[in-house]
Amino acid sequence: MASSKEYLAFILEQLSEMDGITYRSMMGEYIIYYHGKIAAYLCDDRLLVKNISCAAKMMPDAVLEPPYEGAKPMLLVDNVDDKQFLKALFETMYPELPEPKKKELIKVKKDY
């Protein structure tokens, strides 16, 4: 089951007080970025954040679930109704989030 556009709109509204939130569609699901770093996935109408130590400390009872089959488990955020909690979670996570991977350009060899 793909995430609904209504759930995406709800999560984006919950994060609307924050600068630097963007998203990208990925096969019916969504990747949530915070200042260019991948912070969360929306999969099957669930908000899942990277399983990093600071997020685990803020949500000690969070369930680990994979966003899709074969993926690394992520922390399920069950407190999506609390805007201030989500803001604190994303701000706390930011320093620990991995830097975006640089896309390598393919050089074309011209033989003419």
N, C-alpha and C. Protein backbone atom coordinates (compact mmCIF):
# COMPACT_ATOMS: atom_id res chain seq x y z
N MET A 1 0.84 -1.18 0.00
CA MET A 1 0.00 0.00 0.00
C MET A 1 0.89 1.25 0.00
N ALA A 2 0.67 2.12 -0.92
CA ALA A 2 1.44 3.36 -0.99
C ALA A 2 0.89 4.39 0.00
N SER A 3 1.71 5.34 0.34
CA SER A 3 1.27 6.43 1.22
C SER A 3 0.33 7.35 0.45
N SER A 4 -0.70 7.81 1.14
CA SER A 4 -1.67 8.69 0.50
C SER A 4 -1.13 10.13 0.45
N LYS A 5 -1.62 10.86 -0.51
CA LYS A 5 -1.24 12.28 -0.60
C LYS A 5 -1.80 13.05 0.59
N GLU A 6 -2.91 12.58 1.15
CA GLU A 6 -3.48 13.21 2.33
C GLU A 6 -2.55 13.05 3.53
N TYR A 7 -1.95 11.86 3.68
CA TYR A 7 -1.02 11.66 4.80
C TYR A 7 0.24 12.50 4.60
N LEU A 8 0.73 12.57 3.36
CA LEU A 8 1.87 13.43 3.07
C LEU A 8 1.54 14.88 3.45
N ALA A 9 0.37 15.36 3.04
CA ALA A 9 -0.04 16.74 3.35
C ALA A 9 -0.13 16.94 4.87
N PHE A 10 -0.63 15.95 5.59
CA PHE A 10 -0.72 16.05 7.04
C PHE A 10 0.67 16.17 7.67
N ILE A 11 1.59 15.31 7.26
CA ILE A 11 2.95 15.35 7.82
C ILE A 11 3.63 16.66 7.46
N LEU A 12 3.49 17.11 6.23
CA LEU A 12 4.10 18.38 5.83
C LEU A 12 3.52 19.54 6.64
N GLU A 13 2.23 19.49 6.94
CA GLU A 13 1.61 20.52 7.79
C GLU A 13 2.20 20.46 9.20
N GLN A 14 2.43 19.25 9.71
CA GLN A 14 3.02 19.10 11.04
C GLN A 14 4.44 19.67 11.08
N LEU A 15 5.14 19.64 9.96
CA LEU A 15 6.52 20.13 9.88
C LEU A 15 6.60 21.55 9.32
N SER A 16 5.45 22.20 9.11
CA SER A 16 5.40 23.48 8.40
C SER A 16 6.07 24.63 9.13
N GLU A 17 6.28 24.52 10.42
CA GLU A 17 6.94 25.60 11.16
C GLU A 17 8.47 25.54 11.02
N MET A 18 8.96 24.54 10.33
CA MET A 18 10.40 24.35 10.18
C MET A 18 10.86 24.77 8.79
N ASP A 19 12.02 25.42 8.72
CA ASP A 19 12.64 25.72 7.44
C ASP A 19 13.43 24.49 7.00
N GLY A 20 13.59 24.33 5.71
CA GLY A 20 14.47 23.28 5.19
C GLY A 20 13.82 21.93 5.00
N ILE A 21 12.50 21.83 5.10
CA ILE A 21 11.82 20.56 4.88
C ILE A 21 11.45 20.47 3.40
N THR A 22 11.89 19.41 2.76
CA THR A 22 11.52 19.12 1.37
C THR A 22 11.19 17.63 1.30
N TYR A 23 10.63 17.23 0.18
CA TYR A 23 10.32 15.81 0.00
C TYR A 23 10.46 15.43 -1.45
N ARG A 24 10.55 14.11 -1.67
CA ARG A 24 10.63 13.58 -3.02
C ARG A 24 9.80 12.30 -3.06
N SER A 25 9.06 12.13 -4.12
CA SER A 25 8.28 10.93 -4.32
C SER A 25 9.20 9.80 -4.78
N MET A 26 8.93 8.60 -4.27
CA MET A 26 9.74 7.44 -4.65
C MET A 26 8.82 6.23 -4.70
N MET A 27 8.38 5.85 -5.89
CA MET A 27 7.55 4.67 -6.11
C MET A 27 6.34 4.62 -5.18
N GLY A 28 5.60 5.69 -5.10
CA GLY A 28 4.39 5.74 -4.30
C GLY A 28 4.61 6.07 -2.84
N GLU A 29 5.84 6.21 -2.44
CA GLU A 29 6.18 6.58 -1.08
C GLU A 29 6.93 7.91 -1.14
N TYR A 30 7.38 8.42 0.01
CA TYR A 30 8.03 9.72 0.03
C TYR A 30 9.25 9.71 0.93
N ILE A 31 10.27 10.45 0.51
CA ILE A 31 11.46 10.68 1.32
C ILE A 31 11.36 12.11 1.83
N ILE A 32 11.54 12.30 3.12
CA ILE A 32 11.50 13.63 3.74
C ILE A 32 12.94 14.07 4.01
N TYR A 33 13.30 15.24 3.52
CA TYR A 33 14.64 15.79 3.71
C TYR A 33 14.57 16.95 4.69
N TYR A 34 15.62 17.10 5.47
CA TYR A 34 15.76 18.25 6.36
C TYR A 34 17.09 18.91 6.03
N HIS A 35 17.04 20.09 5.47
CA HIS A 35 18.22 20.82 4.99
C HIS A 35 19.09 19.92 4.12
N GLY A 36 18.46 19.21 3.20
CA GLY A 36 19.17 18.40 2.21
C GLY A 36 19.57 17.01 2.66
N LYS A 37 19.37 16.67 3.93
CA LYS A 37 19.73 15.34 4.43
C LYS A 37 18.47 14.50 4.57
N ILE A 38 18.56 13.22 4.21
CA ILE A 38 17.42 12.32 4.39
C ILE A 38 17.18 12.12 5.87
N ALA A 39 15.98 12.49 6.32
CA ALA A 39 15.62 12.38 7.73
C ALA A 39 14.56 11.32 7.98
N ALA A 40 13.66 11.13 7.02
CA ALA A 40 12.54 10.23 7.26
C ALA A 40 11.98 9.70 5.95
N TYR A 41 11.20 8.65 6.09
CA TYR A 41 10.45 8.09 4.98
C TYR A 41 8.98 8.07 5.37
N LEU A 42 8.12 8.30 4.41
CA LEU A 42 6.70 8.05 4.56
C LEU A 42 6.41 6.81 3.75
N CYS A 43 6.08 5.73 4.42
CA CYS A 43 5.79 4.47 3.74
C CYS A 43 4.55 3.85 4.36
N ASP A 44 3.61 3.49 3.52
CA ASP A 44 2.36 2.89 3.98
C ASP A 44 1.69 3.74 5.05
N ASP A 45 1.69 5.04 4.84
CA ASP A 45 1.11 6.00 5.78
C ASP A 45 1.70 5.87 7.19
N ARG A 46 3.01 5.66 7.23
CA ARG A 46 3.77 5.64 8.49
C ARG A 46 4.93 6.60 8.34
N LEU A 47 5.25 7.34 9.41
CA LEU A 47 6.43 8.20 9.43
C LEU A 47 7.54 7.42 10.11
N LEU A 48 8.61 7.16 9.39
CA LEU A 48 9.75 6.42 9.89
C LEU A 48 10.98 7.30 9.81
N VAL A 49 11.74 7.39 10.90
CA VAL A 49 12.96 8.20 10.90
C VAL A 49 14.17 7.30 11.00
N LYS A 50 15.31 7.84 10.59
CA LYS A 50 16.57 7.11 10.65
C LYS A 50 16.80 6.59 12.07
N ASN A 51 17.31 5.38 12.16
CA ASN A 51 17.60 4.77 13.45
C ASN A 51 18.98 5.24 13.91
N ILE A 52 19.00 6.44 14.48
CA ILE A 52 20.24 7.00 15.01
C ILE A 52 20.06 7.22 16.50
N SER A 53 21.16 7.30 17.22
CA SER A 53 21.10 7.28 18.68
C SER A 53 20.25 8.39 19.29
N CYS A 54 20.35 9.60 18.78
CA CYS A 54 19.58 10.70 19.37
C CYS A 54 18.08 10.51 19.17
N ALA A 55 17.67 9.96 18.03
CA ALA A 55 16.25 9.70 17.80
C ALA A 55 15.76 8.58 18.71
N ALA A 56 16.58 7.55 18.88
CA ALA A 56 16.21 6.44 19.76
C ALA A 56 16.08 6.92 21.21
N LYS A 57 16.92 7.88 21.62
CA LYS A 57 16.82 8.42 22.98
C LYS A 57 15.52 9.21 23.17
N MET A 58 15.09 9.91 22.12
CA MET A 58 13.86 10.69 22.22
C MET A 58 12.61 9.81 22.17
N MET A 59 12.76 8.62 21.58
CA MET A 59 11.63 7.70 21.45
C MET A 59 12.06 6.31 21.94
N PRO A 60 12.30 6.16 23.25
CA PRO A 60 12.84 4.89 23.75
C PRO A 60 11.94 3.69 23.53
N ASP A 61 10.65 3.91 23.35
CA ASP A 61 9.73 2.79 23.13
C ASP A 61 9.36 2.60 21.66
N ALA A 62 10.04 3.30 20.78
CA ALA A 62 9.71 3.22 19.35
C ALA A 62 10.00 1.82 18.80
N VAL A 63 9.14 1.42 17.90
CA VAL A 63 9.26 0.13 17.23
C VAL A 63 10.15 0.31 16.01
N LEU A 64 11.03 -0.66 15.77
CA LEU A 64 11.85 -0.65 14.56
C LEU A 64 11.10 -1.39 13.46
N GLU A 65 10.90 -0.73 12.33
CA GLU A 65 10.22 -1.33 11.20
C GLU A 65 10.94 -0.95 9.92
N PRO A 66 11.05 -1.87 8.97
CA PRO A 66 11.64 -1.50 7.68
C PRO A 66 10.62 -0.68 6.87
N PRO A 67 11.07 0.34 6.16
CA PRO A 67 10.13 1.12 5.34
C PRO A 67 9.57 0.30 4.18
N TYR A 68 10.35 -0.65 3.70
CA TYR A 68 9.93 -1.53 2.62
C TYR A 68 10.75 -2.80 2.74
N GLU A 69 10.33 -3.83 2.07
CA GLU A 69 10.98 -5.13 2.17
C GLU A 69 12.46 -5.05 1.78
N GLY A 70 13.31 -5.56 2.65
CA GLY A 70 14.74 -5.58 2.39
C GLY A 70 15.49 -4.36 2.87
N ALA A 71 14.78 -3.36 3.38
CA ALA A 71 15.43 -2.12 3.85
C ALA A 71 15.85 -2.26 5.31
N LYS A 72 16.79 -1.40 5.70
CA LYS A 72 17.20 -1.34 7.10
C LYS A 72 16.03 -0.83 7.93
N PRO A 73 15.84 -1.40 9.12
CA PRO A 73 14.75 -0.92 9.98
C PRO A 73 14.95 0.53 10.39
N MET A 74 13.83 1.23 10.52
CA MET A 74 13.81 2.62 10.95
C MET A 74 12.88 2.73 12.14
N LEU A 75 12.95 3.85 12.84
CA LEU A 75 12.11 4.08 14.02
C LEU A 75 10.74 4.61 13.60
N LEU A 76 9.69 3.92 14.03
CA LEU A 76 8.33 4.36 13.74
C LEU A 76 7.96 5.49 14.70
N VAL A 77 7.56 6.63 14.15
CA VAL A 77 7.15 7.77 14.96
C VAL A 77 5.65 7.65 15.18
N ASP A 78 5.25 7.44 16.43
CA ASP A 78 3.82 7.31 16.71
C ASP A 78 3.23 8.60 17.27
N ASN A 79 4.05 9.62 17.48
CA ASN A 79 3.60 10.88 18.05
C ASN A 79 3.53 11.97 16.98
N VAL A 80 2.92 11.65 15.83
CA VAL A 80 2.89 12.58 14.70
C VAL A 80 1.94 13.75 14.91
N ASP A 81 1.08 13.67 15.92
CA ASP A 81 0.14 14.77 16.17
C ASP A 81 0.76 15.94 16.93
N ASP A 82 1.95 15.76 17.45
CA ASP A 82 2.62 16.78 18.27
C ASP A 82 3.67 17.51 17.43
N LYS A 83 3.31 18.71 16.93
CA LYS A 83 4.22 19.49 16.08
C LYS A 83 5.53 19.82 16.79
N GLN A 84 5.45 20.18 18.06
CA GLN A 84 6.66 20.57 18.79
C GLN A 84 7.59 19.37 18.98
N PHE A 85 7.03 18.19 19.20
CA PHE A 85 7.86 16.99 19.32
C PHE A 85 8.56 16.71 17.99
N LEU A 86 7.82 16.78 16.89
CA LEU A 86 8.42 16.51 15.58
C LEU A 86 9.53 17.51 15.27
N LYS A 87 9.29 18.78 15.60
CA LYS A 87 10.32 19.80 15.37
C LYS A 87 11.56 19.49 16.19
N ALA A 88 11.39 19.17 17.47
CA ALA A 88 12.53 18.84 18.33
C ALA A 88 13.24 17.58 17.83
N LEU A 89 12.47 16.60 17.37
CA LEU A 89 13.06 15.36 16.85
C LEU A 89 13.95 15.65 15.64
N PHE A 90 13.43 16.37 14.66
CA PHE A 90 14.21 16.65 13.45
C PHE A 90 15.43 17.52 13.77
N GLU A 91 15.26 18.52 14.62
CA GLU A 91 16.39 19.38 14.97
C GLU A 91 17.46 18.61 15.73
N THR A 92 17.07 17.71 16.60
CA THR A 92 18.02 16.90 17.34
C THR A 92 18.74 15.92 16.42
N MET A 93 18.03 15.38 15.46
CA MET A 93 18.60 14.40 14.55
C MET A 93 19.60 15.00 13.56
N TYR A 94 19.38 16.24 13.18
CA TYR A 94 20.15 16.83 12.06
C TYR A 94 21.66 16.62 12.15
N PRO A 95 22.31 16.90 13.29
CA PRO A 95 23.77 16.72 13.31
C PRO A 95 24.23 15.27 13.08
N GLU A 96 23.40 14.30 13.43
CA GLU A 96 23.77 12.89 13.27
C GLU A 96 23.38 12.32 11.92
N LEU A 97 22.57 13.03 11.16
CA LEU A 97 22.15 12.51 9.86
C LEU A 97 23.34 12.50 8.90
N PRO A 98 23.45 11.43 8.10
CA PRO A 98 24.56 11.39 7.14
C PRO A 98 24.44 12.49 6.09
N GLU A 99 25.58 12.97 5.65
CA GLU A 99 25.62 13.96 4.57
C GLU A 99 25.10 13.30 3.29
N PRO A 100 24.45 14.08 2.43
CA PRO A 100 23.97 13.51 1.17
C PRO A 100 25.15 13.01 0.33
N LYS A 101 24.90 11.91 -0.36
CA LYS A 101 25.94 11.37 -1.24
C LYS A 101 26.05 12.26 -2.47
N LYS A 102 27.29 12.53 -2.85
CA LYS A 102 27.53 13.33 -4.05
C LYS A 102 27.28 12.44 -5.27
N LYS A 103 26.52 12.97 -6.20
CA LYS A 103 26.25 12.22 -7.42
C LYS A 103 27.43 12.39 -8.36
N GLU A 104 27.95 11.26 -8.79
CA GLU A 104 29.10 11.29 -9.68
C GLU A 104 28.60 11.46 -11.12
N LEU A 105 29.18 12.43 -11.80
CA LEU A 105 28.82 12.65 -13.19
C LEU A 105 29.58 11.66 -14.06
N ILE A 106 28.90 11.16 -15.07
CA ILE A 106 29.52 10.24 -16.00
C ILE A 106 30.10 11.05 -17.14
N LYS A 107 31.40 10.87 -17.35
CA LYS A 107 32.06 11.57 -18.45
C LYS A 107 31.92 10.76 -19.72
N VAL A 108 31.56 11.45 -20.78
CA VAL A 108 31.39 10.80 -22.06
C VAL A 108 32.68 10.97 -22.86
N LYS A 109 33.19 9.86 -23.31
CA LYS A 109 34.42 9.91 -24.11
C LYS A 109 34.00 10.11 -25.55
N LYS A 110 34.56 11.16 -26.14
CA LYS A 110 34.25 11.46 -27.54
C LYS A 110 35.36 10.91 -28.42
N ASP A 111 34.97 10.07 -29.34
CA ASP A 111 35.93 9.44 -30.26
C ASP A 111 35.77 9.98 -31.69
N TYR A 112 35.44 11.22 -31.82
CA TYR A 112 35.29 11.74 -33.19
C TYR A 112 36.08 12.97 -33.38
